[in-house]
Amino acid sequence: MKRRLFVRPEAQLDIDEAAFWYDDQKLGLGDRFEEELSHLFARITEHPLHFPELELGVRRALPNVFPYGVYFTVEDDSITVVTVLHQSRDPRAWKSRL
């Protein structure tokens, strides 16, 4: 069953801030970051249960290139991206978003 993917506003802010930072480092790198996440979101939508469940029903997917984790929950008909977190940050930070 293919579920619909929703990105919470605070998770979208995570993405926007990271893309802006990458663009500040090198023009166009922010677009590559967003494209990588778009591909990852497609993989999550197709096979959400293939990603490891950390706890409390939250799963994590890692992009191939950028050091971020996409933390999401899976319901019967939807997937919700809770946060997009740089992997150098405290991995428990996503818990405040639940």
N, C-alpha and C. Protein backbone atom coordinates (compact mmCIF):
# COMPACT_ATOMS: atom_id res chain seq x y z
N MET A 1 0.84 -1.18 0.00
CA MET A 1 0.00 0.00 0.00
C MET A 1 0.89 1.24 0.00
N LYS A 2 0.64 2.12 -0.94
CA LYS A 2 1.39 3.37 -1.01
C LYS A 2 0.70 4.42 -0.15
N ARG A 3 1.45 5.00 0.75
CA ARG A 3 0.92 6.01 1.67
C ARG A 3 1.29 7.41 1.19
N ARG A 4 0.52 8.39 1.64
CA ARG A 4 0.83 9.79 1.34
C ARG A 4 1.85 10.29 2.35
N LEU A 5 2.78 11.10 1.89
CA LEU A 5 3.83 11.63 2.75
C LEU A 5 3.52 13.09 3.07
N PHE A 6 3.57 13.41 4.36
CA PHE A 6 3.37 14.77 4.84
C PHE A 6 4.64 15.21 5.56
N VAL A 7 5.05 16.44 5.32
CA VAL A 7 6.21 17.02 6.00
C VAL A 7 5.68 18.08 6.96
N ARG A 8 5.92 17.88 8.24
CA ARG A 8 5.49 18.86 9.22
C ARG A 8 6.18 20.20 8.95
N PRO A 9 5.52 21.30 9.29
CA PRO A 9 6.12 22.63 9.04
C PRO A 9 7.51 22.79 9.68
N GLU A 10 7.70 22.27 10.88
CA GLU A 10 9.01 22.40 11.52
C GLU A 10 10.07 21.56 10.81
N ALA A 11 9.66 20.43 10.23
CA ALA A 11 10.60 19.63 9.44
C ALA A 11 10.94 20.34 8.14
N GLN A 12 9.96 21.01 7.55
CA GLN A 12 10.23 21.79 6.34
C GLN A 12 11.20 22.93 6.65
N LEU A 13 11.07 23.51 7.83
CA LEU A 13 12.00 24.56 8.26
C LEU A 13 13.41 23.98 8.41
N ASP A 14 13.52 22.77 8.94
CA ASP A 14 14.83 22.10 9.01
C ASP A 14 15.45 21.99 7.62
N ILE A 15 14.65 21.56 6.66
CA ILE A 15 15.11 21.39 5.28
C ILE A 15 15.53 22.72 4.69
N ASP A 16 14.69 23.73 4.85
CA ASP A 16 14.98 25.05 4.29
C ASP A 16 16.26 25.63 4.87
N GLU A 17 16.43 25.51 6.19
CA GLU A 17 17.63 26.05 6.83
C GLU A 17 18.89 25.33 6.35
N ALA A 18 18.81 24.01 6.22
CA ALA A 18 19.97 23.25 5.75
C ALA A 18 20.29 23.60 4.30
N ALA A 19 19.27 23.70 3.46
CA ALA A 19 19.49 24.05 2.05
C ALA A 19 20.12 25.44 1.94
N PHE A 20 19.64 26.38 2.73
CA PHE A 20 20.21 27.73 2.73
C PHE A 20 21.67 27.68 3.15
N TRP A 21 21.99 26.92 4.19
CA TRP A 21 23.37 26.80 4.66
C TRP A 21 24.25 26.20 3.56
N TYR A 22 23.77 25.13 2.91
CA TYR A 22 24.56 24.51 1.84
C TYR A 22 24.75 25.47 0.68
N ASP A 23 23.73 26.23 0.32
CA ASP A 23 23.87 27.22 -0.76
C ASP A 23 24.87 28.30 -0.39
N ASP A 24 24.93 28.62 0.88
CA ASP A 24 25.89 29.61 1.35
C ASP A 24 27.32 29.10 1.21
N GLN A 25 27.49 27.78 1.32
CA GLN A 25 28.80 27.17 1.16
C GLN A 25 29.22 27.10 -0.31
N LYS A 26 28.25 26.71 -1.15
CA LYS A 26 28.51 26.59 -2.58
C LYS A 26 27.18 26.70 -3.31
N LEU A 27 27.09 27.64 -4.22
CA LEU A 27 25.84 27.88 -4.95
C LEU A 27 25.39 26.59 -5.65
N GLY A 28 24.14 26.24 -5.45
CA GLY A 28 23.55 25.06 -6.07
C GLY A 28 23.59 23.83 -5.17
N LEU A 29 24.40 23.88 -4.12
CA LEU A 29 24.50 22.71 -3.23
C LEU A 29 23.21 22.51 -2.43
N GLY A 30 22.53 23.61 -2.11
CA GLY A 30 21.24 23.50 -1.43
C GLY A 30 20.21 22.78 -2.28
N ASP A 31 20.24 23.06 -3.59
CA ASP A 31 19.33 22.36 -4.51
C ASP A 31 19.64 20.87 -4.55
N ARG A 32 20.92 20.53 -4.52
CA ARG A 32 21.31 19.10 -4.52
C ARG A 32 20.82 18.42 -3.25
N PHE A 33 20.91 19.15 -2.12
CA PHE A 33 20.42 18.61 -0.85
C PHE A 33 18.92 18.33 -0.94
N GLU A 34 18.16 19.28 -1.44
CA GLU A 34 16.71 19.11 -1.56
C GLU A 34 16.36 18.00 -2.54
N GLU A 35 17.13 17.88 -3.61
CA GLU A 35 16.90 16.80 -4.59
C GLU A 35 17.17 15.44 -3.95
N GLU A 36 18.24 15.35 -3.18
CA GLU A 36 18.55 14.10 -2.49
C GLU A 36 17.42 13.71 -1.53
N LEU A 37 16.90 14.70 -0.80
CA LEU A 37 15.78 14.41 0.10
C LEU A 37 14.53 14.00 -0.67
N SER A 38 14.31 14.61 -1.81
CA SER A 38 13.15 14.24 -2.63
C SER A 38 13.22 12.76 -3.04
N HIS A 39 14.41 12.32 -3.43
CA HIS A 39 14.59 10.90 -3.78
C HIS A 39 14.39 10.00 -2.56
N LEU A 40 14.89 10.46 -1.42
CA LEU A 40 14.72 9.69 -0.19
C LEU A 40 13.26 9.62 0.21
N PHE A 41 12.52 10.73 0.06
CA PHE A 41 11.09 10.74 0.37
C PHE A 41 10.35 9.74 -0.52
N ALA A 42 10.76 9.63 -1.77
CA ALA A 42 10.13 8.67 -2.68
C ALA A 42 10.39 7.24 -2.19
N ARG A 43 11.62 6.96 -1.75
CA ARG A 43 11.94 5.63 -1.21
C ARG A 43 11.14 5.35 0.06
N ILE A 44 11.02 6.35 0.91
CA ILE A 44 10.25 6.19 2.14
C ILE A 44 8.80 5.89 1.81
N THR A 45 8.24 6.61 0.85
CA THR A 45 6.84 6.42 0.47
C THR A 45 6.60 5.01 -0.09
N GLU A 46 7.54 4.52 -0.87
CA GLU A 46 7.39 3.19 -1.47
C GLU A 46 7.54 2.06 -0.45
N HIS A 47 8.50 2.21 0.47
CA HIS A 47 8.82 1.11 1.40
C HIS A 47 9.13 1.65 2.80
N PRO A 48 8.17 2.26 3.46
CA PRO A 48 8.47 2.89 4.76
C PRO A 48 8.92 1.91 5.84
N LEU A 49 8.49 0.67 5.76
CA LEU A 49 8.82 -0.29 6.81
C LEU A 49 10.21 -0.90 6.62
N HIS A 50 10.89 -0.56 5.53
CA HIS A 50 12.25 -1.05 5.31
C HIS A 50 13.28 -0.27 6.12
N PHE A 51 12.88 0.84 6.69
CA PHE A 51 13.79 1.68 7.46
C PHE A 51 13.68 1.32 8.93
N PRO A 52 14.80 1.39 9.66
CA PRO A 52 14.78 0.94 11.05
C PRO A 52 13.89 1.79 11.95
N GLU A 53 13.19 1.10 12.82
CA GLU A 53 12.38 1.78 13.83
C GLU A 53 13.27 2.02 15.04
N LEU A 54 13.37 3.28 15.45
CA LEU A 54 14.22 3.62 16.58
C LEU A 54 13.51 3.36 17.90
N GLU A 55 12.37 4.00 18.08
CA GLU A 55 11.51 3.78 19.23
C GLU A 55 10.28 4.66 19.08
N LEU A 56 9.28 4.41 19.87
CA LEU A 56 8.04 5.20 19.85
C LEU A 56 7.41 5.27 18.46
N GLY A 57 7.66 4.27 17.62
CA GLY A 57 7.09 4.25 16.29
C GLY A 57 7.77 5.18 15.29
N VAL A 58 8.93 5.72 15.66
CA VAL A 58 9.65 6.63 14.77
C VAL A 58 10.73 5.86 14.04
N ARG A 59 10.78 6.06 12.74
CA ARG A 59 11.78 5.41 11.88
C ARG A 59 12.74 6.46 11.36
N ARG A 60 13.92 6.01 10.93
CA ARG A 60 14.92 6.93 10.39
C ARG A 60 15.44 6.45 9.05
N ALA A 61 15.52 7.40 8.11
CA ALA A 61 16.10 7.13 6.81
C ALA A 61 17.28 8.08 6.62
N LEU A 62 18.33 7.57 6.00
CA LEU A 62 19.53 8.37 5.78
C LEU A 62 19.74 8.60 4.28
N PRO A 63 19.95 9.85 3.88
CA PRO A 63 20.27 10.09 2.47
C PRO A 63 21.65 9.53 2.15
N ASN A 64 21.93 9.35 0.87
CA ASN A 64 23.20 8.76 0.44
C ASN A 64 24.38 9.71 0.60
N VAL A 65 24.16 11.01 0.42
CA VAL A 65 25.27 11.95 0.32
C VAL A 65 25.41 12.85 1.54
N PHE A 66 24.34 13.38 2.04
CA PHE A 66 24.39 14.40 3.09
C PHE A 66 24.22 13.77 4.48
N PRO A 67 24.89 14.34 5.49
CA PRO A 67 24.87 13.74 6.84
C PRO A 67 23.64 14.12 7.66
N TYR A 68 22.48 13.78 7.15
CA TYR A 68 21.22 14.08 7.81
C TYR A 68 20.42 12.80 8.00
N GLY A 69 19.52 12.83 8.96
CA GLY A 69 18.58 11.75 9.15
C GLY A 69 17.17 12.30 9.01
N VAL A 70 16.32 11.55 8.33
CA VAL A 70 14.91 11.90 8.19
C VAL A 70 14.15 11.00 9.15
N TYR A 71 13.52 11.61 10.14
CA TYR A 71 12.78 10.88 11.15
C TYR A 71 11.29 10.99 10.83
N PHE A 72 10.62 9.84 10.79
CA PHE A 72 9.23 9.84 10.34
C PHE A 72 8.42 8.77 11.06
N THR A 73 7.11 8.95 11.04
CA THR A 73 6.17 7.98 11.59
C THR A 73 5.33 7.42 10.45
N VAL A 74 4.83 6.21 10.65
CA VAL A 74 4.02 5.54 9.63
C VAL A 74 2.66 5.21 10.23
N GLU A 75 1.62 5.64 9.54
CA GLU A 75 0.25 5.32 9.92
C GLU A 75 -0.33 4.44 8.81
N ASP A 76 -1.59 4.04 8.95
CA ASP A 76 -2.22 3.16 7.97
C ASP A 76 -2.18 3.74 6.56
N ASP A 77 -2.47 5.03 6.43
CA ASP A 77 -2.56 5.63 5.09
C ASP A 77 -1.64 6.82 4.88
N SER A 78 -0.74 7.08 5.84
CA SER A 78 0.13 8.26 5.71
C SER A 78 1.48 8.05 6.39
N ILE A 79 2.41 8.88 5.98
CA ILE A 79 3.74 8.96 6.57
C ILE A 79 3.95 10.42 6.93
N THR A 80 4.45 10.67 8.13
CA THR A 80 4.68 12.05 8.55
C THR A 80 6.15 12.23 8.89
N VAL A 81 6.80 13.16 8.19
CA VAL A 81 8.18 13.50 8.49
C VAL A 81 8.16 14.44 9.69
N VAL A 82 8.79 14.00 10.77
CA VAL A 82 8.79 14.73 12.03
C VAL A 82 9.91 15.75 12.07
N THR A 83 11.10 15.33 11.64
CA THR A 83 12.26 16.22 11.63
C THR A 83 13.29 15.73 10.63
N VAL A 84 14.12 16.64 10.20
CA VAL A 84 15.28 16.33 9.37
C VAL A 84 16.47 16.87 10.16
N LEU A 85 17.27 15.97 10.69
CA LEU A 85 18.26 16.31 11.70
C LEU A 85 19.67 15.98 11.24
N HIS A 86 20.59 16.95 11.38
CA HIS A 86 22.01 16.69 11.08
C HIS A 86 22.51 15.62 12.04
N GLN A 87 23.28 14.68 11.54
CA GLN A 87 23.68 13.52 12.34
C GLN A 87 24.69 13.86 13.44
N SER A 88 25.26 15.07 13.43
CA SER A 88 26.16 15.45 14.52
C SER A 88 25.39 15.95 15.74
N ARG A 89 24.10 16.20 15.58
CA ARG A 89 23.28 16.66 16.70
C ARG A 89 22.86 15.50 17.58
N ASP A 90 22.39 15.83 18.76
CA ASP A 90 21.92 14.81 19.70
C ASP A 90 20.80 14.01 19.04
N PRO A 91 20.96 12.70 18.89
CA PRO A 91 19.95 11.92 18.18
C PRO A 91 18.60 11.87 18.90
N ARG A 92 18.56 12.30 20.16
CA ARG A 92 17.30 12.32 20.89
C ARG A 92 16.49 13.58 20.61
N ALA A 93 17.05 14.51 19.84
CA ALA A 93 16.38 15.79 19.60
C ALA A 93 15.02 15.63 18.93
N TRP A 94 14.85 14.58 18.16
CA TRP A 94 13.57 14.38 17.47
C TRP A 94 12.43 14.12 18.45
N LYS A 95 12.76 13.63 19.64
CA LYS A 95 11.71 13.28 20.61
C LYS A 95 10.89 14.48 21.04
N SER A 96 11.49 15.66 21.02
CA SER A 96 10.74 16.86 21.40
C SER A 96 9.68 17.24 20.36
N ARG A 97 9.76 16.63 19.19
CA ARG A 97 8.83 16.94 18.11
C ARG A 97 7.58 16.07 18.14
N LEU A 98 7.56 15.06 18.99
CA LEU A 98 6.40 14.16 19.03
C LEU A 98 5.29 14.73 19.87
